[in-house]
Amino acid sequence: MEILYALIPLSIVLITLAVMVFSWAVKSGQFDDLEGPAHSILYDDDKDMIPPTEETASENERPLSEDERTSS
């Protein structure tokens, strides 16, 4: 029964600490964009890491059309 005198204040301290950490995380923007980092891995631009093949080398050498020049 005496253990309750130690566990109740300890639980109150732990709950207070958890609420403080959660409020700090919300204020610092940890939950602002939950989907952006998950989607960014799908659209990661890794063209520089892929060595050029004959097909991609020929695509890079062809001249740009009028539409491609105006769009970029």
PDB file of N, CA and C in Angstrom:
ATOM      1  N   MET A   1       0.815  -1.199   0.000  1.00  0.00           N
ATOM      2  CA  MET A   1       0.000   0.000   0.000  1.00  0.00           C
ATOM      3  C   MET A   1       0.856   1.260   0.000  1.00  0.00           C
ATOM      4  N   GLU A   2       2.035   1.149   0.619  1.00  0.00           N
ATOM      5  CA  GLU A   2       2.899   2.332   0.650  1.00  0.00           C
ATOM      6  C   GLU A   2       3.483   2.660  -0.719  1.00  0.00           C
ATOM      7  N   ILE A   3       3.479   1.669  -1.612  1.00  0.00           N
ATOM      8  CA  ILE A   3       4.023   1.916  -2.944  1.00  0.00           C
ATOM      9  C   ILE A   3       3.179   2.930  -3.726  1.00  0.00           C
ATOM     10  N   LEU A   4       1.896   3.020  -3.378  1.00  0.00           N
ATOM     11  CA  LEU A   4       1.036   4.001  -4.044  1.00  0.00           C
ATOM     12  C   LEU A   4       1.481   5.439  -3.765  1.00  0.00           C
ATOM     13  N   TYR A   5       2.058   5.660  -2.601  1.00  0.00           N
ATOM     14  CA  TYR A   5       2.544   7.007  -2.279  1.00  0.00           C
ATOM     15  C   TYR A   5       3.710   7.397  -3.184  1.00  0.00           C
ATOM     16  N   ALA A   6       4.407   6.437  -3.712  1.00  0.00           N
ATOM     17  CA  ALA A   6       5.505   6.728  -4.636  1.00  0.00           C
ATOM     18  C   ALA A   6       5.041   6.709  -6.088  1.00  0.00           C
ATOM     19  N   LEU A   7       4.114   5.804  -6.419  1.00  0.00           N
ATOM     20  CA  LEU A   7       3.705   5.663  -7.815  1.00  0.00           C
ATOM     21  C   LEU A   7       2.787   6.785  -8.294  1.00  0.00           C
ATOM     22  N   ILE A   8       1.944   7.287  -7.449  1.00  0.00           N
ATOM     23  CA  ILE A   8       1.026   8.363  -7.878  1.00  0.00           C
ATOM     24  C   ILE A   8       1.791   9.637  -8.231  1.00  0.00           C
ATOM     25  N   PRO A   9       2.695  10.127  -7.390  1.00  0.00           N
ATOM     26  CA  PRO A   9       3.475  11.310  -7.813  1.00  0.00           C
ATOM     27  C   PRO A   9       4.358  11.026  -9.030  1.00  0.00           C
ATOM     28  N   LEU A  10       4.916   9.822  -9.101  1.00  0.00           N
ATOM     29  CA  LEU A  10       5.743   9.479 -10.260  1.00  0.00           C
ATOM     30  C   LEU A  10       4.919   9.486 -11.543  1.00  0.00           C
ATOM     31  N   SER A  11       3.716   8.964 -11.492  1.00  0.00           N
ATOM     32  CA  SER A  11       2.865   8.965 -12.684  1.00  0.00           C
ATOM     33  C   SER A  11       2.454  10.385 -13.068  1.00  0.00           C
ATOM     34  N   ILE A  12       2.208  11.225 -12.086  1.00  0.00           N
ATOM     35  CA  ILE A  12       1.863  12.621 -12.379  1.00  0.00           C
ATOM     36  C   ILE A  12       3.045  13.331 -13.040  1.00  0.00           C
ATOM     37  N   VAL A  13       4.239  13.061 -12.572  1.00  0.00           N
ATOM     38  CA  VAL A  13       5.431  13.663 -13.178  1.00  0.00           C
ATOM     39  C   VAL A  13       5.613  13.167 -14.606  1.00  0.00           C
ATOM     40  N   LEU A  14       5.426  11.887 -14.846  1.00  0.00           N
ATOM     41  CA  LEU A  14       5.587  11.331 -16.186  1.00  0.00           C
ATOM     42  C   LEU A  14       4.527  11.874 -17.150  1.00  0.00           C
ATOM     43  N   ILE A  15       3.312  12.003 -16.689  1.00  0.00           N
ATOM     44  CA  ILE A  15       2.247  12.558 -17.539  1.00  0.00           C
ATOM     45  C   ILE A  15       2.538  14.016 -17.858  1.00  0.00           C
ATOM     46  N   THR A  16       2.993  14.768 -16.881  1.00  0.00           N
ATOM     47  CA  THR A  16       3.347  16.173 -17.116  1.00  0.00           C
ATOM     48  C   THR A  16       4.480  16.281 -18.129  1.00  0.00           C
ATOM     49  N   LEU A  17       5.474  15.425 -17.987  1.00  0.00           N
ATOM     50  CA  LEU A  17       6.593  15.420 -18.930  1.00  0.00           C
ATOM     51  C   LEU A  17       6.125  15.062 -20.335  1.00  0.00           C
ATOM     52  N   ALA A  18       5.240  14.081 -20.461  1.00  0.00           N
ATOM     53  CA  ALA A  18       4.721  13.684 -21.773  1.00  0.00           C
ATOM     54  C   ALA A  18       3.924  14.806 -22.415  1.00  0.00           C
ATOM     55  N   VAL A  19       3.120  15.509 -21.630  1.00  0.00           N
ATOM     56  CA  VAL A  19       2.341  16.632 -22.165  1.00  0.00           C
ATOM     57  C   VAL A  19       3.276  17.751 -22.613  1.00  0.00           C
ATOM     58  N   MET A  20       4.330  18.021 -21.864  1.00  0.00           N
ATOM     59  CA  MET A  20       5.283  19.059 -22.246  1.00  0.00           C
ATOM     60  C   MET A  20       6.011  18.694 -23.539  1.00  0.00           C
ATOM     61  N   VAL A  21       6.427  17.454 -23.685  1.00  0.00           N
ATOM     62  CA  VAL A  21       7.110  17.025 -24.912  1.00  0.00           C
ATOM     63  C   VAL A  21       6.155  17.089 -26.104  1.00  0.00           C
ATOM     64  N   PHE A  22       4.912  16.679 -25.910  1.00  0.00           N
ATOM     65  CA  PHE A  22       3.937  16.735 -26.991  1.00  0.00           C
ATOM     66  C   PHE A  22       3.656  18.174 -27.402  1.00  0.00           C
ATOM     67  N   SER A  23       3.497  19.069 -26.446  1.00  0.00           N
ATOM     68  CA  SER A  23       3.232  20.473 -26.798  1.00  0.00           C
ATOM     69  C   SER A  23       4.439  21.088 -27.484  1.00  0.00           C
ATOM     70  N   TRP A  24       5.651  20.711 -27.084  1.00  0.00           N
ATOM     71  CA  TRP A  24       6.848  21.203 -27.763  1.00  0.00           C
ATOM     72  C   TRP A  24       6.879  20.707 -29.211  1.00  0.00           C
ATOM     73  N   ALA A  25       6.513  19.444 -29.434  1.00  0.00           N
ATOM     74  CA  ALA A  25       6.524  18.895 -30.786  1.00  0.00           C
ATOM     75  C   ALA A  25       5.500  19.587 -31.670  1.00  0.00           C
ATOM     76  N   VAL A  26       4.331  19.892 -31.135  1.00  0.00           N
ATOM     77  CA  VAL A  26       3.298  20.576 -31.916  1.00  0.00           C
ATOM     78  C   VAL A  26       3.742  22.003 -32.243  1.00  0.00           C
ATOM     79  N   LYS A  27       4.321  22.697 -31.281  1.00  0.00           N
ATOM     80  CA  LYS A  27       4.747  24.085 -31.508  1.00  0.00           C
ATOM     81  C   LYS A  27       5.927  24.173 -32.462  1.00  0.00           C
ATOM     82  N   SER A  28       6.777  23.148 -32.506  1.00  0.00           N
ATOM     83  CA  SER A  28       7.944  23.205 -33.387  1.00  0.00           C
ATOM     84  C   SER A  28       7.636  22.726 -34.801  1.00  0.00           C
ATOM     85  N   GLY A  29       6.388  22.318 -35.065  1.00  0.00           N
ATOM     86  CA  GLY A  29       5.995  21.970 -36.421  1.00  0.00           C
ATOM     87  C   GLY A  29       6.241  20.538 -36.820  1.00  0.00           C
ATOM     88  N   GLN A  30       6.358  19.659 -35.865  1.00  0.00           N
ATOM     89  CA  GLN A  30       6.603  18.255 -36.188  1.00  0.00           C
ATOM     90  C   GLN A  30       5.410  17.601 -36.886  1.00  0.00           C
ATOM     91  N   PHE A  31       4.212  18.148 -36.702  1.00  0.00           N
ATOM     92  CA  PHE A  31       3.017  17.533 -37.273  1.00  0.00           C
ATOM     93  C   PHE A  31       2.406  18.391 -38.370  1.00  0.00           C
ATOM     94  N   ASP A  32       3.129  19.363 -38.898  1.00  0.00           N
ATOM     95  CA  ASP A  32       2.575  20.241 -39.919  1.00  0.00           C
ATOM     96  C   ASP A  32       2.358  19.518 -41.242  1.00  0.00           C
ATOM     97  N   ASP A  33       3.353  18.819 -41.723  1.00  0.00           N
ATOM     98  CA  ASP A  33       3.258  18.142 -43.013  1.00  0.00           C
ATOM     99  C   ASP A  33       3.541  16.658 -42.813  1.00  0.00           C
ATOM    100  N   LEU A  34       2.490  15.884 -42.664  1.00  0.00           N
ATOM    101  CA  LEU A  34       2.670  14.458 -42.394  1.00  0.00           C
ATOM    102  C   LEU A  34       2.829  13.647 -43.670  1.00  0.00           C
ATOM    103  N   GLU A  35       2.327  14.154 -44.811  1.00  0.00           N
ATOM    104  CA  GLU A  35       2.373  13.372 -46.040  1.00  0.00           C
ATOM    105  C   GLU A  35       3.527  13.769 -46.952  1.00  0.00           C
ATOM    106  N   GLY A  36       4.059  14.937 -46.809  1.00  0.00           N
ATOM    107  CA  GLY A  36       5.112  15.413 -47.697  1.00  0.00           C
ATOM    108  C   GLY A  36       6.363  14.552 -47.698  1.00  0.00           C
ATOM    109  N   PRO A  37       6.952  14.239 -46.551  1.00  0.00           N
ATOM    110  CA  PRO A  37       8.138  13.397 -46.555  1.00  0.00           C
ATOM    111  C   PRO A  37       7.870  11.986 -47.081  1.00  0.00           C
ATOM    112  N   ALA A  38       6.647  11.479 -46.864  1.00  0.00           N
ATOM    113  CA  ALA A  38       6.328  10.147 -47.369  1.00  0.00           C
ATOM    114  C   ALA A  38       6.238  10.139 -48.885  1.00  0.00           C
ATOM    115  N   HIS A  39       5.758  11.225 -49.467  1.00  0.00           N
ATOM    116  CA  HIS A  39       5.647  11.296 -50.924  1.00  0.00           C
ATOM    117  C   HIS A  39       6.957  11.709 -51.572  1.00  0.00           C
ATOM    118  N   SER A  40       7.801  12.419 -50.868  1.00  0.00           N
ATOM    119  CA  SER A  40       9.038  12.900 -51.480  1.00  0.00           C
ATOM    120  C   SER A  40       9.971  11.759 -51.856  1.00  0.00           C
ATOM    121  N   ILE A  41       9.912  10.656 -51.154  1.00  0.00           N
ATOM    122  CA  ILE A  41      10.766   9.523 -51.501  1.00  0.00           C
ATOM    123  C   ILE A  41      10.328   8.901 -52.817  1.00  0.00           C
ATOM    124  N   LEU A  42       9.046   9.034 -53.171  1.00  0.00           N
ATOM    125  CA  LEU A  42       8.564   8.484 -54.432  1.00  0.00           C
ATOM    126  C   LEU A  42       8.984   9.347 -55.610  1.00  0.00           C
ATOM    127  N   TYR A  43       9.148  10.652 -55.397  1.00  0.00           N
ATOM    128  CA  TYR A  43       9.476  11.562 -56.484  1.00  0.00           C
ATOM    129  C   TYR A  43      10.913  12.030 -56.408  1.00  0.00           C
ATOM    130  N   ASP A  44      11.750  11.271 -55.759  1.00  0.00           N
ATOM    131  CA  ASP A  44      13.147  11.657 -55.635  1.00  0.00           C
ATOM    132  C   ASP A  44      13.809  11.634 -57.005  1.00  0.00           C
ATOM    133  N   ASP A  45      14.508  12.688 -57.314  1.00  0.00           N
ATOM    134  CA  ASP A  45      15.157  12.815 -58.606  1.00  0.00           C
ATOM    135  C   ASP A  45      16.540  12.178 -58.518  1.00  0.00           C
ATOM    136  N   ASP A  46      16.662  11.008 -59.094  1.00  0.00           N
ATOM    137  CA  ASP A  46      17.945  10.307 -59.035  1.00  0.00           C
ATOM    138  C   ASP A  46      18.536  10.128 -60.422  1.00  0.00           C
ATOM    139  N   LYS A  47      18.287  11.061 -61.336  1.00  0.00           N
ATOM    140  CA  LYS A  47      18.834  10.961 -62.687  1.00  0.00           C
ATOM    141  C   LYS A  47      20.350  11.053 -62.677  1.00  0.00           C
ATOM    142  N   ASP A  48      20.914  11.796 -61.745  1.00  0.00           N
ATOM    143  CA  ASP A  48      22.368  11.938 -61.704  1.00  0.00           C
ATOM    144  C   ASP A  48      23.061  10.654 -61.278  1.00  0.00           C
ATOM    145  N   MET A  49      22.336   9.770 -60.594  1.00  0.00           N
ATOM    146  CA  MET A  49      22.930   8.535 -60.096  1.00  0.00           C
ATOM    147  C   MET A  49      22.904   7.419 -61.134  1.00  0.00           C
ATOM    148  N   ILE A  50      22.064   7.531 -62.172  1.00  0.00           N
ATOM    149  CA  ILE A  50      21.939   6.496 -63.182  1.00  0.00           C
ATOM    150  C   ILE A  50      22.944   6.772 -64.293  1.00  0.00           C
ATOM    151  N   PRO A  51      23.806   5.801 -64.610  1.00  0.00           N
ATOM    152  CA  PRO A  51      24.756   6.035 -65.690  1.00  0.00           C
ATOM    153  C   PRO A  51      24.024   6.105 -67.023  1.00  0.00           C
ATOM    154  N   PRO A  52      24.476   6.941 -67.944  1.00  0.00           N
ATOM    155  CA  PRO A  52      23.777   7.092 -69.218  1.00  0.00           C
ATOM    156  C   PRO A  52      23.926   5.840 -70.080  1.00  0.00           C
ATOM    157  N   THR A  53      22.838   5.458 -70.698  1.00  0.00           N
ATOM    158  CA  THR A  53      22.852   4.354 -71.648  1.00  0.00           C
ATOM    159  C   THR A  53      22.818   4.941 -73.042  1.00  0.00           C
ATOM    160  N   GLU A  54      22.812   4.090 -74.051  1.00  0.00           N
ATOM    161  CA  GLU A  54      22.780   4.591 -75.424  1.00  0.00           C
ATOM    162  C   GLU A  54      21.473   5.310 -75.710  1.00  0.00           C
ATOM    163  N   GLU A  55      20.363   4.797 -75.159  1.00  0.00           N
ATOM    164  CA  GLU A  55      19.060   5.427 -75.407  1.00  0.00           C
ATOM    165  C   GLU A  55      18.982   6.798 -74.746  1.00  0.00           C
ATOM    166  N   THR A  56      19.410   6.884 -73.491  1.00  0.00           N
ATOM    167  CA  THR A  56      19.329   8.171 -72.804  1.00  0.00           C
ATOM    168  C   THR A  56      20.352   9.141 -73.354  1.00  0.00           C
ATOM    169  N   ALA A  57      21.495   8.649 -73.807  1.00  0.00           N
ATOM    170  CA  ALA A  57      22.498   9.533 -74.389  1.00  0.00           C
ATOM    171  C   ALA A  57      21.980  10.138 -75.679  1.00  0.00           C
ATOM    172  N   SER A  58      21.272   9.343 -76.476  1.00  0.00           N
ATOM    173  CA  SER A  58      20.733   9.887 -77.727  1.00  0.00           C
ATOM    174  C   SER A  58      19.593  10.859 -77.436  1.00  0.00           C
ATOM    175  N   GLU A  59      18.820  10.624 -76.368  1.00  0.00           N
ATOM    176  CA  GLU A  59      17.749  11.562 -76.008  1.00  0.00           C
ATOM    177  C   GLU A  59      18.322  12.891 -75.542  1.00  0.00           C
ATOM    178  N   ASN A  60      19.433  12.839 -74.864  1.00  0.00           N
ATOM    179  CA  ASN A  60      20.037  14.074 -74.379  1.00  0.00           C
ATOM    180  C   ASN A  60      20.666  14.883 -75.506  1.00  0.00           C
ATOM    181  N   GLU A  61      21.062  14.220 -76.595  1.00  0.00           N
ATOM    182  CA  GLU A  61      21.735  14.917 -77.681  1.00  0.00           C
ATOM    183  C   GLU A  61      20.768  15.503 -78.696  1.00  0.00           C
ATOM    184  N   ARG A  62      19.520  15.062 -78.722  1.00  0.00           N
ATOM    185  CA  ARG A  62      18.599  15.567 -79.751  1.00  0.00           C
ATOM    186  C   ARG A  62      18.250  17.019 -79.445  1.00  0.00           C
ATOM    187  N   PRO A  63      18.038  17.807 -80.454  1.00  0.00           N
ATOM    188  CA  PRO A  63      17.701  19.220 -80.210  1.00  0.00           C
ATOM    189  C   PRO A  63      16.290  19.355 -79.653  1.00  0.00           C
ATOM    190  N   LEU A  64      16.079  20.410 -78.895  1.00  0.00           N
ATOM    191  CA  LEU A  64      14.768  20.663 -78.305  1.00  0.00           C
ATOM    192  C   LEU A  64      13.814  21.182 -79.359  1.00  0.00           C
ATOM    193  N   SER A  65      12.561  20.755 -79.278  1.00  0.00           N
ATOM    194  CA  SER A  65      11.550  21.283 -80.184  1.00  0.00           C
ATOM    195  C   SER A  65      11.108  22.658 -79.690  1.00  0.00           C
ATOM    196  N   GLU A  66      10.304  23.319 -80.506  1.00  0.00           N
ATOM    197  CA  GLU A  66       9.847  24.666 -80.147  1.00  0.00           C
ATOM    198  C   GLU A  66       9.012  24.647 -78.868  1.00  0.00           C
ATOM    199  N   ASP A  67       8.163  23.617 -78.701  1.00  0.00           N
ATOM    200  CA  ASP A  67       7.328  23.519 -77.504  1.00  0.00           C
ATOM    201  C   ASP A  67       8.167  23.313 -76.257  1.00  0.00           C
ATOM    202  N   GLU A  68       9.213  22.477 -76.361  1.00  0.00           N
ATOM    203  CA  GLU A  68      10.072  22.214 -75.209  1.00  0.00           C
ATOM    204  C   GLU A  68      10.852  23.465 -74.809  1.00  0.00           C
ATOM    205  N   ARG A  69      11.238  24.275 -75.797  1.00  0.00           N
ATOM    206  CA  ARG A  69      11.993  25.495 -75.482  1.00  0.00           C
ATOM    207  C   ARG A  69      11.109  26.517 -74.784  1.00  0.00           C
ATOM    208  N   THR A  70       9.863  26.631 -75.235  1.00  0.00           N
ATOM    209  CA  THR A  70       8.976  27.632 -74.628  1.00  0.00           C
ATOM    210  C   THR A  70       8.503  27.212 -73.255  1.00  0.00           C
ATOM    211  N   SER A  71       8.362  25.871 -73.037  1.00  0.00           N
ATOM    212  CA  SER A  71       7.871  25.428 -71.725  1.00  0.00           C
ATOM    213  C   SER A  71       8.930  25.540 -70.652  1.00  0.00           C
ATOM    214  N   SER A  72      10.203  25.472 -70.996  1.00  0.00           N
ATOM    215  CA  SER A  72      11.252  25.526 -69.966  1.00  0.00           C
ATOM    216  C   SER A  72      11.793  26.883 -69.765  1.00  0.00           C
TER     217      SER A  72
END
